[in-house]
Every structure is written in C-alpha cells, then in structure tokens.
Amino acid sequence: MRTPLLWGGPAALTVLLAGSLAAQNMGPPPPLMQVFREEVKPGRVGSHVQTEAGWPRAFGKAKIANNYIAMTTMYGPTEAWFFEPHGSVAEIDAANKAIEAAPGLNQDLDRLSQADAANINSSRSLLLRFVPEASNNPNINAAEMRVWEVTIFRVRPGKEGSFFAGAKLYQSLVQQAKVDAPWATYQVMAGMPGPTFIVFGPHKTLPELDPSSGVGAAIEKAMNEEMMKQFGAISEGFISVENLVMTPSPEMSYPTAEWLAQDPKYWGKKAAVAVKPAANSPAPAAAPKP
C-alpha cells in the first residue's frame, strides 16, 4: 500500500472528509492528506486484507509514525482507500525520508508490494489540501464514524466555481433544515485528472443514510422549487457524479494510540499476515539428488 509519494503538476480534486487522525477527539481536519487508492480484484478481498495487515506491522517495527486509516467500499467498485494526514509538505518529505532510511523496511515493503500485486488491478496516490471555505462544521470525532458517504463530482474545466456555488447553496439548505451535517473540503494537488471534487459525509451507523428519516428527510423537506432550479443550473458544470458508501477497515489501518484508546475492541482488530518480514535464519538445506 504505502510507498513514498512523488508528486507534481496542477490537478484539482477536492475531497470533503470530516475529521482527522489528530490526537484530540474533536479537532479540525489536517491541512494536507495523502490518499492511496487501490482497486481490488474480484475474489481477492480477503487476501488483500491479509496482505495489507503487513504494512502496519512493518511500520510499527521500524517505528515509523505515518499513521493512516483504511476504508473499503460497501457500495461501488471494490476498492480500498488509505488516508494519511499531515501538517505540511515538509512533514510528508520527512516521513518519506524516514521510510527510506529505516533499516530493512524497504525490503519488507517490497515483499508486501509484490504479494499485493496478486490482489489489485491498479493503484493511485493523491495529495490533497484542506479548503475550509467549502466545508461545514468539520470538527468531529472521526474515530466514532463507521460509515462514510462518498460523492465524486467530475467538473468541466473552467467550471470549478459551480462546485463551490453548490457547496454554499447546500450549506444554506442545511441551515434551513436545522440539522447537523458536517463535511470538510480538500483540493487535490496531484494524482488525479481535474477538476474533480469528492464529498465525504460521516455517519455512525448505516441507517443514518435512509433518506426517509433523520437528516436526509429534514434536508429534503427544506428544499424548495427555487433551490431545485439553482442546483439544476449548477449541475450543468459537472461531467458526472458518482455515489459510493465506504466503511473503515481496522485490520488494514495504522491508527494512532488515541484512536485505539477510544475503542480498542474495534480499532484493535487484527488480520492474519499473508506475507511476513524475512527472519534472520539460515536457508534450508538443498534436497538430496535422486
């Protein structure tokens, strides 16, 4: 999963992701986020989890604190996303250098990557930066969330303003509905064709997504005909919209001690490791010739 990220060039992806891997339970989203996205082959989900479990063990053994949270799709393409927060590009650079310098770590990661090649069709690395003006009450306890709505907007070139206008209009709709609907906005600096925007909505349970009750029902009730026309005009600036539902995968995650302390039974789940770091043991003797 995790290798040092090399990036460059302008892309415009925005991810709306509430919460962070910060030490405090309630806090602002991290200024930067690395996201590693993998498309898992059919029939290889279990093997993928087992292989990915080797990365946290390898990083922990090397004392590399690049903590991250893994999520997998409940509805949508069979994918796994890994979210790694950072305070600055300099911090990312320092983490990459620490990985490169750790004795034996690159060999362990190479073995894991080779094994994981049998589980995935493709992978992509993204670099995102926080955009507070397109966010809504983003300070949540992300460690409590078990379900995330993910809506991916592909925007027509030169129409980025349409997305921000839509975000502002939706903020006003949420205020009128008098409900709690947090999200946080990130812009991708590299790793994906742009402009693209992704909206992450956090939930504690799957039933919270039911549009016939709760937050969804209140927002729908607050929607009037004029707002529907405005959203329709805004949508003309989009190429496509894709909806996903994702859930955390503790077995593939490398959470901080603070996240573990909040719910050790959940975040402490472990999976059997399919590929283990090589041990310092003598090679087996060759079989005798017949």
C-alpha atoms as a PDB file:
ATOM      1  CA  MET A   1       0.000   0.000   0.000  1.00  0.00           C
ATOM      2  CA  ARG A   2       2.294   2.750   1.279  1.00  0.00           C
ATOM      3  CA  THR A   3       5.386   3.928  -0.586  1.00  0.00           C
ATOM      4  CA  PRO A   4       6.942   7.426  -0.573  1.00  0.00           C
ATOM      5  CA  LEU A   5       4.783   9.737  -2.695  1.00  0.00           C
ATOM      6  CA  LEU A   6       6.361  11.663  -5.568  1.00  0.00           C
ATOM      7  CA  TRP A   7       4.115  14.368  -6.989  1.00  0.00           C
ATOM      8  CA  GLY A   8       3.952  17.420  -9.169  1.00  0.00           C
ATOM      9  CA  GLY A   9       1.755  19.366 -11.555  1.00  0.00           C
ATOM     10  CA  PRO A  10      -1.656  21.007 -11.051  1.00  0.00           C
ATOM     11  CA  ALA A  11      -4.722  18.832 -10.581  1.00  0.00           C
ATOM     12  CA  ALA A  12      -7.945  19.885  -8.919  1.00  0.00           C
ATOM     13  CA  LEU A  13      -9.625  17.225  -6.839  1.00  0.00           C
ATOM     14  CA  THR A  14     -11.462  18.168  -3.700  1.00  0.00           C
ATOM     15  CA  VAL A  15     -12.297  15.659  -1.011  1.00  0.00           C
ATOM     16  CA  LEU A  16     -14.809  16.526   1.668  1.00  0.00           C
ATOM     17  CA  LEU A  17     -13.583  14.458   4.602  1.00  0.00           C
ATOM     18  CA  ALA A  18     -14.709  15.259   8.126  1.00  0.00           C
ATOM     19  CA  GLY A  19     -12.256  14.651  10.953  1.00  0.00           C
ATOM     20  CA  SER A  20      -8.564  13.785  11.177  1.00  0.00           C
ATOM     21  CA  LEU A  21      -6.082  11.455  12.810  1.00  0.00           C
ATOM     22  CA  ALA A  22      -5.215  14.201  15.278  1.00  0.00           C
ATOM     23  CA  ALA A  23      -4.645  13.368  18.930  1.00  0.00           C
ATOM     24  CA  GLN A  24      -7.696  15.244  20.140  1.00  0.00           C
ATOM     25  CA  ASN A  25     -11.112  13.604  19.784  1.00  0.00           C
ATOM     26  CA  MET A  26     -12.678  16.718  18.291  1.00  0.00           C
ATOM     27  CA  GLY A  27     -10.455  18.785  16.056  1.00  0.00           C
ATOM     28  CA  PRO A  28     -10.002  20.443  12.679  1.00  0.00           C
ATOM     29  CA  PRO A  29      -9.143  18.403   9.602  1.00  0.00           C
ATOM     30  CA  PRO A  30      -5.412  18.115   8.804  1.00  0.00           C
ATOM     31  CA  PRO A  31      -4.006  20.718   6.402  1.00  0.00           C
ATOM     32  CA  LEU A  32      -2.819  18.002   3.992  1.00  0.00           C
ATOM     33  CA  MET A  33      -3.883  14.437   3.263  1.00  0.00           C
ATOM     34  CA  GLN A  34      -2.230  11.674   1.292  1.00  0.00           C
ATOM     35  CA  VAL A  35      -4.733   9.165  -0.092  1.00  0.00           C
ATOM     36  CA  PHE A  36      -3.694   5.807  -1.531  1.00  0.00           C
ATOM     37  CA  ARG A  37      -6.478   4.235  -3.585  1.00  0.00           C
ATOM     38  CA  GLU A  38      -6.466   0.582  -4.705  1.00  0.00           C
ATOM     39  CA  GLU A  39      -8.832  -1.337  -6.987  1.00  0.00           C
ATOM     40  CA  VAL A  40      -9.156  -4.874  -5.584  1.00  0.00           C
ATOM     41  CA  LYS A  41      -9.558  -7.875  -7.888  1.00  0.00           C
ATOM     42  CA  PRO A  42     -12.761  -9.971  -7.648  1.00  0.00           C
ATOM     43  CA  GLY A  43     -12.325 -12.831  -5.216  1.00  0.00           C
ATOM     44  CA  ARG A  44      -9.204 -11.292  -3.644  1.00  0.00           C
ATOM     45  CA  VAL A  45     -10.755  -9.144  -0.896  1.00  0.00           C
ATOM     46  CA  GLY A  46      -9.755 -11.498   1.934  1.00  0.00           C
ATOM     47  CA  SER A  47      -6.233 -11.971   0.593  1.00  0.00           C
ATOM     48  CA  HIS A  48      -5.915  -8.210   0.181  1.00  0.00           C
ATOM     49  CA  VAL A  49      -6.817  -7.601   3.831  1.00  0.00           C
ATOM     50  CA  GLN A  50      -4.280 -10.200   4.963  1.00  0.00           C
ATOM     51  CA  THR A  51      -1.518  -8.701   2.834  1.00  0.00           C
ATOM     52  CA  GLU A  52      -2.320  -5.107   3.824  1.00  0.00           C
ATOM     53  CA  ALA A  53      -2.127  -6.091   7.505  1.00  0.00           C
ATOM     54  CA  GLY A  54       1.602  -6.469   6.977  1.00  0.00           C
ATOM     55  CA  TRP A  55       2.157  -2.750   6.345  1.00  0.00           C
ATOM     56  CA  PRO A  56       1.187  -1.505   9.847  1.00  0.00           C
ATOM     57  CA  ARG A  57       3.326  -4.242  11.388  1.00  0.00           C
ATOM     58  CA  ALA A  58       6.294  -3.283   9.210  1.00  0.00           C
ATOM     59  CA  PHE A  59       5.915   0.438  10.001  1.00  0.00           C
ATOM     60  CA  GLY A  60       5.448  -0.280  13.711  1.00  0.00           C
ATOM     61  CA  LYS A  61       8.544  -2.484  13.793  1.00  0.00           C
ATOM     62  CA  ALA A  62      10.539   0.323  12.133  1.00  0.00           C
ATOM     63  CA  LYS A  63       8.975   2.928  14.480  1.00  0.00           C
ATOM     64  CA  ILE A  64       7.621   4.972  11.557  1.00  0.00           C
ATOM     65  CA  ALA A  65       4.628   7.013  12.786  1.00  0.00           C
ATOM     66  CA  ASN A  66       2.886   7.589   9.448  1.00  0.00           C
ATOM     67  CA  ASN A  67      -0.486   6.611  10.917  1.00  0.00           C
ATOM     68  CA  TYR A  68      -3.343   6.095   8.484  1.00  0.00           C
ATOM     69  CA  ILE A  69      -6.924   4.831   8.297  1.00  0.00           C
ATOM     70  CA  ALA A  70      -8.112   2.356   5.646  1.00  0.00           C
ATOM     71  CA  MET A  71     -11.642   2.329   4.236  1.00  0.00           C
ATOM     72  CA  THR A  72     -13.331  -0.073   1.826  1.00  0.00           C
ATOM     73  CA  THR A  73     -16.402   0.284  -0.356  1.00  0.00           C
ATOM     74  CA  MET A  74     -19.737  -1.115   0.789  1.00  0.00           C
ATOM     75  CA  TYR A  75     -21.468   0.131  -2.375  1.00  0.00           C
ATOM     76  CA  GLY A  76     -19.483   0.925  -5.507  1.00  0.00           C
ATOM     77  CA  PRO A  77     -16.370  -0.526  -7.160  1.00  0.00           C
ATOM     78  CA  THR A  78     -14.397  -2.930  -4.961  1.00  0.00           C
ATOM     79  CA  GLU A  79     -11.749  -0.535  -3.652  1.00  0.00           C
ATOM     80  CA  ALA A  80      -9.658   0.249  -0.580  1.00  0.00           C
ATOM     81  CA  TRP A  81      -8.619   3.824   0.270  1.00  0.00           C
ATOM     82  CA  PHE A  82      -5.891   4.710   2.783  1.00  0.00           C
ATOM     83  CA  PHE A  83      -5.979   8.192   4.394  1.00  0.00           C
ATOM     84  CA  GLU A  84      -2.748   9.589   5.843  1.00  0.00           C
ATOM     85  CA  PRO A  85      -2.886  13.124   7.385  1.00  0.00           C
ATOM     86  CA  HIS A  86      -0.020  15.615   7.505  1.00  0.00           C
ATOM     87  CA  GLY A  87       0.552  19.181   8.661  1.00  0.00           C
ATOM     88  CA  SER A  88       2.772  20.275   5.782  1.00  0.00           C
ATOM     89  CA  VAL A  89       4.636  19.128   2.681  1.00  0.00           C
ATOM     90  CA  ALA A  90       7.827  19.267   4.736  1.00  0.00           C
ATOM     91  CA  GLU A  91       6.264  16.744   7.127  1.00  0.00           C
ATOM     92  CA  ILE A  92       5.446  14.453   4.208  1.00  0.00           C
ATOM     93  CA  ASP A  93       9.007  14.759   2.949  1.00  0.00           C
ATOM     94  CA  ALA A  94      10.363  13.899   6.400  1.00  0.00           C
ATOM     95  CA  ALA A  95       8.114  10.817   6.602  1.00  0.00           C
ATOM     96  CA  ASN A  96       9.241   9.652   3.165  1.00  0.00           C
ATOM     97  CA  LYS A  97      12.900  10.087   4.122  1.00  0.00           C
ATOM     98  CA  ALA A  98      12.340   8.197   7.384  1.00  0.00           C
ATOM     99  CA  ILE A  99      10.834   5.302   5.427  1.00  0.00           C
ATOM    100  CA  GLU A 100      13.769   5.272   3.021  1.00  0.00           C
ATOM    101  CA  ALA A 101      16.315   5.372   5.856  1.00  0.00           C
ATOM    102  CA  ALA A 102      14.768   2.703   8.120  1.00  0.00           C
ATOM    103  CA  PRO A 103      16.993  -0.425   8.067  1.00  0.00           C
ATOM    104  CA  GLY A 104      15.276  -3.345   6.358  1.00  0.00           C
ATOM    105  CA  LEU A 105      11.951  -1.537   5.908  1.00  0.00           C
ATOM    106  CA  ASN A 106      12.163  -1.125   2.140  1.00  0.00           C
ATOM    107  CA  GLN A 107      12.871  -4.828   1.738  1.00  0.00           C
ATOM    108  CA  ASP A 108       9.784  -5.656   3.818  1.00  0.00           C
ATOM    109  CA  LEU A 109       7.650  -3.197   1.827  1.00  0.00           C
ATOM    110  CA  ASP A 110       8.925  -4.624  -1.464  1.00  0.00           C
ATOM    111  CA  ARG A 111       7.866  -8.118  -0.398  1.00  0.00           C
ATOM    112  CA  LEU A 112       4.448  -6.835   0.625  1.00  0.00           C
ATOM    113  CA  SER A 113       4.033  -4.930  -2.656  1.00  0.00           C
ATOM    114  CA  GLN A 114       4.949  -7.992  -4.692  1.00  0.00           C
ATOM    115  CA  ALA A 115       2.401 -10.087  -2.791  1.00  0.00           C
ATOM    116  CA  ASP A 116      -0.253  -7.379  -3.110  1.00  0.00           C
ATOM    117  CA  ALA A 117       0.157  -7.305  -6.895  1.00  0.00           C
ATOM    118  CA  ALA A 118      -1.885 -10.520  -6.994  1.00  0.00           C
ATOM    119  CA  ASN A 119      -4.747  -8.756  -5.173  1.00  0.00           C
ATOM    120  CA  ILE A 120      -5.154  -5.439  -7.000  1.00  0.00           C
ATOM    121  CA  ASN A 121      -5.751  -4.273 -10.564  1.00  0.00           C
ATOM    122  CA  SER A 122      -4.473  -0.730 -10.096  1.00  0.00           C
ATOM    123  CA  SER A 123      -3.414   1.864  -7.533  1.00  0.00           C
ATOM    124  CA  ARG A 124      -3.332   5.653  -7.365  1.00  0.00           C
ATOM    125  CA  SER A 125      -1.705   8.158  -4.989  1.00  0.00           C
ATOM    126  CA  LEU A 126      -3.357  11.520  -4.281  1.00  0.00           C
ATOM    127  CA  LEU A 127      -2.189  14.628  -2.451  1.00  0.00           C
ATOM    128  CA  LEU A 128      -4.950  16.835  -1.014  1.00  0.00           C
ATOM    129  CA  ARG A 129      -5.081  20.167   0.805  1.00  0.00           C
ATOM    130  CA  PHE A 130      -7.829  21.413   3.115  1.00  0.00           C
ATOM    131  CA  VAL A 131     -10.241  24.074   1.791  1.00  0.00           C
ATOM    132  CA  PRO A 132     -12.158  25.457   4.798  1.00  0.00           C
ATOM    133  CA  GLU A 133     -14.429  27.820   2.852  1.00  0.00           C
ATOM    134  CA  ALA A 134     -16.169  24.867   1.183  1.00  0.00           C
ATOM    135  CA  SER A 135     -16.550  22.961   4.468  1.00  0.00           C
ATOM    136  CA  ASN A 136     -19.355  22.719   7.005  1.00  0.00           C
ATOM    137  CA  ASN A 137     -18.771  22.155  10.740  1.00  0.00           C
ATOM    138  CA  PRO A 138     -15.853  19.784  10.040  1.00  0.00           C
ATOM    139  CA  ASN A 139     -14.680  19.387  13.657  1.00  0.00           C
ATOM    140  CA  ILE A 140     -15.956  15.914  14.526  1.00  0.00           C
ATOM    141  CA  ASN A 141     -14.658  12.804  16.255  1.00  0.00           C
ATOM    142  CA  ALA A 142     -13.852  10.798  13.125  1.00  0.00           C
ATOM    143  CA  ALA A 143     -12.813   7.751  15.176  1.00  0.00           C
ATOM    144  CA  GLU A 144     -16.501   7.228  16.058  1.00  0.00           C
ATOM    145  CA  MET A 145     -17.668   7.142  12.445  1.00  0.00           C
ATOM    146  CA  ARG A 146     -18.368   3.755  10.872  1.00  0.00           C
ATOM    147  CA  VAL A 147     -19.940   4.748   7.530  1.00  0.00           C
ATOM    148  CA  TRP A 148     -18.948   7.426   5.010  1.00  0.00           C
ATOM    149  CA  GLU A 149     -20.937   8.702   2.048  1.00  0.00           C
ATOM    150  CA  VAL A 150     -18.595   9.499  -0.832  1.00  0.00           C
ATOM    151  CA  THR A 151     -19.853  11.533  -3.799  1.00  0.00           C
ATOM    152  CA  ILE A 152     -17.388  12.141  -6.630  1.00  0.00           C
ATOM    153  CA  PHE A 153     -18.009  15.160  -8.886  1.00  0.00           C
ATOM    154  CA  ARG A 154     -16.124  15.455 -12.169  1.00  0.00           C
ATOM    155  CA  VAL A 155     -16.298  19.132 -13.082  1.00  0.00           C
ATOM    156  CA  ARG A 156     -15.995  20.650 -16.537  1.00  0.00           C
ATOM    157  CA  PRO A 157     -12.732  22.616 -16.994  1.00  0.00           C
ATOM    158  CA  GLY A 158     -13.216  26.231 -16.017  1.00  0.00           C
ATOM    159  CA  LYS A 159     -16.386  25.424 -14.036  1.00  0.00           C
ATOM    160  CA  GLU A 160     -14.819  24.974 -10.593  1.00  0.00           C
ATOM    161  CA  GLY A 161     -16.960  27.857  -9.394  1.00  0.00           C
ATOM    162  CA  SER A 162     -20.043  25.710  -9.976  1.00  0.00           C
ATOM    163  CA  PHE A 163     -18.947  23.271  -7.297  1.00  0.00           C
ATOM    164  CA  PHE A 164     -18.213  25.995  -4.752  1.00  0.00           C
ATOM    165  CA  ALA A 165     -21.551  27.636  -5.536  1.00  0.00           C
ATOM    166  CA  GLY A 166     -23.216  24.275  -4.957  1.00  0.00           C
ATOM    167  CA  ALA A 167     -21.392  23.827  -1.651  1.00  0.00           C
ATOM    168  CA  LYS A 168     -22.524  27.269  -0.497  1.00  0.00           C
ATOM    169  CA  LEU A 169     -26.115  26.590  -1.557  1.00  0.00           C
ATOM    170  CA  TYR A 170     -26.109  23.247   0.241  1.00  0.00           C
ATOM    171  CA  GLN A 171     -24.735  24.924   3.378  1.00  0.00           C
ATOM    172  CA  SER A 172     -27.714  27.287   3.356  1.00  0.00           C
ATOM    173  CA  LEU A 173     -30.073  24.341   2.837  1.00  0.00           C
ATOM    174  CA  VAL A 174     -28.613  22.530   5.853  1.00  0.00           C
ATOM    175  CA  GLN A 175     -29.025  25.679   7.939  1.00  0.00           C
ATOM    176  CA  GLN A 176     -32.670  25.967   6.916  1.00  0.00           C
ATOM    177  CA  ALA A 177     -33.247  22.301   7.764  1.00  0.00           C
ATOM    178  CA  LYS A 178     -31.637  22.888  11.192  1.00  0.00           C
ATOM    179  CA  VAL A 179     -29.705  19.606  11.106  1.00  0.00           C
ATOM    180  CA  ASP A 180     -26.117  18.593  11.809  1.00  0.00           C
ATOM    181  CA  ALA A 181     -24.431  17.666   8.509  1.00  0.00           C
ATOM    182  CA  PRO A 182     -20.634  18.072   8.749  1.00  0.00           C
ATOM    183  CA  TRP A 183     -18.099  17.799   5.961  1.00  0.00           C
ATOM    184  CA  ALA A 184     -14.601  19.100   5.168  1.00  0.00           C
ATOM    185  CA  THR A 185     -13.195  20.047   1.787  1.00  0.00           C
ATOM    186  CA  TYR A 186      -9.810  19.180   0.306  1.00  0.00           C
ATOM    187  CA  GLN A 187      -8.278  20.112  -3.043  1.00  0.00           C
ATOM    188  CA  VAL A 188      -6.007  17.609  -4.737  1.00  0.00           C
ATOM    189  CA  MET A 189      -2.616  18.983  -5.596  1.00  0.00           C
ATOM    190  CA  ALA A 190      -1.642  15.899  -7.610  1.00  0.00           C
ATOM    191  CA  GLY A 191      -2.587  12.376  -8.590  1.00  0.00           C
ATOM    192  CA  MET A 192      -5.913  12.600 -10.461  1.00  0.00           C
ATOM    193  CA  PRO A 193      -7.366  14.342 -13.536  1.00  0.00           C
ATOM    194  CA  GLY A 194      -9.100  17.520 -12.589  1.00  0.00           C
ATOM    195  CA  PRO A 195     -11.076  19.385 -11.753  1.00  0.00           C
ATOM    196  CA  THR A 196     -12.736  16.703  -9.625  1.00  0.00           C
ATOM    197  CA  PHE A 197     -14.467  17.050  -6.258  1.00  0.00           C
ATOM    198  CA  ILE A 198     -15.357  14.351  -3.728  1.00  0.00           C
ATOM    199  CA  VAL A 199     -17.800  14.816  -0.847  1.00  0.00           C
ATOM    200  CA  PHE A 200     -17.390  12.661   2.279  1.00  0.00           C
ATOM    201  CA  GLY A 201     -20.325  12.600   4.712  1.00  0.00           C
ATOM    202  CA  PRO A 202     -19.658  10.853   8.075  1.00  0.00           C
ATOM    203  CA  HIS A 203     -22.177   8.604   9.852  1.00  0.00           C
ATOM    204  CA  LYS A 204     -22.089   6.440  12.950  1.00  0.00           C
ATOM    205  CA  THR A 205     -24.465   3.826  11.503  1.00  0.00           C
ATOM    206  CA  LEU A 206     -25.724   2.736   8.083  1.00  0.00           C
ATOM    207  CA  PRO A 207     -29.417   3.519   8.864  1.00  0.00           C
ATOM    208  CA  GLU A 208     -28.460   7.206   9.106  1.00  0.00           C
ATOM    209  CA  LEU A 209     -28.283   7.153   5.293  1.00  0.00           C
ATOM    210  CA  ASP A 210     -32.006   6.395   4.998  1.00  0.00           C
ATOM    211  CA  PRO A 211     -33.485   9.356   3.041  1.00  0.00           C
ATOM    212  CA  SER A 212     -36.932   8.724   4.520  1.00  0.00           C
ATOM    213  CA  SER A 213     -35.872   9.639   8.045  1.00  0.00           C
ATOM    214  CA  GLY A 214     -33.453  11.755  10.030  1.00  0.00           C
ATOM    215  CA  VAL A 215     -31.116  14.287   8.426  1.00  0.00           C
ATOM    216  CA  GLY A 216     -31.920  13.297   4.849  1.00  0.00           C
ATOM    217  CA  ALA A 217     -35.644  13.729   5.339  1.00  0.00           C
ATOM    218  CA  ALA A 218     -35.208  17.125   7.005  1.00  0.00           C
ATOM    219  CA  ILE A 219     -32.970  18.389   4.196  1.00  0.00           C
ATOM    220  CA  GLU A 220     -35.371  17.140   1.521  1.00  0.00           C
ATOM    221  CA  LYS A 221     -38.256  18.857   3.304  1.00  0.00           C
ATOM    222  CA  ALA A 222     -36.328  22.145   3.405  1.00  0.00           C
ATOM    223  CA  MET A 223     -35.678  22.022  -0.355  1.00  0.00           C
ATOM    224  CA  ASN A 224     -37.949  24.355  -2.319  1.00  0.00           C
ATOM    225  CA  GLU A 225     -38.560  24.700  -6.048  1.00  0.00           C
ATOM    226  CA  GLU A 226     -36.226  27.678  -6.412  1.00  0.00           C
ATOM    227  CA  MET A 227     -33.359  25.759  -4.798  1.00  0.00           C
ATOM    228  CA  MET A 228     -34.005  22.794  -7.081  1.00  0.00           C
ATOM    229  CA  LYS A 229     -33.666  25.103 -10.093  1.00  0.00           C
ATOM    230  CA  GLN A 230     -30.415  26.509  -8.729  1.00  0.00           C
ATOM    231  CA  PHE A 231     -28.964  23.036  -8.140  1.00  0.00           C
ATOM    232  CA  GLY A 232     -30.056  22.067 -11.657  1.00  0.00           C
ATOM    233  CA  ALA A 233     -28.195  25.022 -13.162  1.00  0.00           C
ATOM    234  CA  ILE A 234     -25.113  24.256 -11.062  1.00  0.00           C
ATOM    235  CA  SER A 235     -25.120  20.608 -12.197  1.00  0.00           C
ATOM    236  CA  GLU A 236     -24.583  21.727 -15.797  1.00  0.00           C
ATOM    237  CA  GLY A 237     -20.997  22.412 -14.793  1.00  0.00           C
ATOM    238  CA  PHE A 238     -20.428  18.731 -13.928  1.00  0.00           C
ATOM    239  CA  ILE A 239     -19.341  15.946 -16.282  1.00  0.00           C
ATOM    240  CA  SER A 240     -20.507  13.163 -13.955  1.00  0.00           C
ATOM    241  CA  VAL A 241     -21.492  12.388 -10.359  1.00  0.00           C
ATOM    242  CA  GLU A 242     -20.736   9.035  -8.662  1.00  0.00           C
ATOM    243  CA  ASN A 243     -22.045   7.929  -5.255  1.00  0.00           C
ATOM    244  CA  LEU A 244     -20.154   5.470  -3.012  1.00  0.00           C
ATOM    245  CA  VAL A 245     -20.609   4.242   0.552  1.00  0.00           C
ATOM    246  CA  MET A 246     -17.464   3.278   2.487  1.00  0.00           C
ATOM    247  CA  THR A 247     -16.610   1.842   5.900  1.00  0.00           C
ATOM    248  CA  PRO A 248     -13.348   1.768   7.889  1.00  0.00           C
ATOM    249  CA  SER A 249     -11.186  -1.354   7.844  1.00  0.00           C
ATOM    250  CA  PRO A 250      -9.413  -1.558  11.224  1.00  0.00           C
ATOM    251  CA  GLU A 251      -7.487  -4.643  10.085  1.00  0.00           C
ATOM    252  CA  MET A 252      -5.750  -2.636   7.333  1.00  0.00           C
ATOM    253  CA  SER A 253      -5.400   0.593   9.346  1.00  0.00           C
ATOM    254  CA  TYR A 254      -2.438   2.008  11.264  1.00  0.00           C
ATOM    255  CA  PRO A 255      -4.288   4.186  13.827  1.00  0.00           C
ATOM    256  CA  THR A 256      -2.759   6.401  16.475  1.00  0.00           C
ATOM    257  CA  ALA A 257      -2.725   5.367  20.129  1.00  0.00           C
ATOM    258  CA  GLU A 258      -5.508   7.906  20.753  1.00  0.00           C
ATOM    259  CA  TRP A 259      -7.803   6.235  18.206  1.00  0.00           C
ATOM    260  CA  LEU A 260      -7.047   2.809  19.699  1.00  0.00           C
ATOM    261  CA  ALA A 261      -7.838   4.082  23.197  1.00  0.00           C
ATOM    262  CA  GLN A 262     -11.296   5.305  22.142  1.00  0.00           C
ATOM    263  CA  ASP A 263     -12.462   1.862  21.016  1.00  0.00           C
ATOM    264  CA  PRO A 264      -9.770  -0.830  21.453  1.00  0.00           C
ATOM    265  CA  LYS A 265     -12.141  -3.661  20.513  1.00  0.00           C
ATOM    266  CA  TYR A 266     -12.939  -2.060  17.154  1.00  0.00           C
ATOM    267  CA  TRP A 267      -9.702  -0.319  16.150  1.00  0.00           C
ATOM    268  CA  GLY A 268      -7.563  -3.113  17.592  1.00  0.00           C
ATOM    269  CA  LYS A 269      -8.903  -5.748  15.199  1.00  0.00           C
ATOM    270  CA  LYS A 270      -6.110  -7.727  13.576  1.00  0.00           C
ATOM    271  CA  ALA A 271      -5.890  -9.875  10.469  1.00  0.00           C
ATOM    272  CA  ALA A 272      -3.516 -12.741   9.796  1.00  0.00           C
ATOM    273  CA  VAL A 273      -0.498 -11.526   7.842  1.00  0.00           C
ATOM    274  CA  ALA A 274      -0.104 -13.224   4.481  1.00  0.00           C
ATOM    275  CA  VAL A 275       3.484 -12.053   3.985  1.00  0.00           C
ATOM    276  CA  LYS A 276       5.825 -11.756   6.957  1.00  0.00           C
ATOM    277  CA  PRO A 277       9.153  -9.881   7.073  1.00  0.00           C
ATOM    278  CA  ALA A 278      12.084 -12.161   6.378  1.00  0.00           C
ATOM    279  CA  ALA A 279      13.648 -13.631   9.521  1.00  0.00           C
ATOM    280  CA  ASN A 280      17.380 -13.840  10.076  1.00  0.00           C
ATOM    281  CA  SER A 281      17.522 -17.611   9.792  1.00  0.00           C
ATOM    282  CA  PRO A 282      19.734 -19.911   7.725  1.00  0.00           C
ATOM    283  CA  ALA A 283      18.465 -21.051   4.350  1.00  0.00           C
ATOM    284  CA  PRO A 284      17.035 -24.577   4.246  1.00  0.00           C
ATOM    285  CA  ALA A 285      19.373 -27.297   3.071  1.00  0.00           C
ATOM    286  CA  ALA A 286      19.048 -28.388  -0.531  1.00  0.00           C
ATOM    287  CA  ALA A 287      17.188 -31.616  -1.145  1.00  0.00           C
ATOM    288  CA  PRO A 288      19.473 -34.567  -1.978  1.00  0.00           C
ATOM    289  CA  LYS A 289      19.703 -35.550  -5.610  1.00  0.00           C
ATOM    290  CA  PRO A 290      17.945 -38.793  -6.535  1.00  0.00           C
END
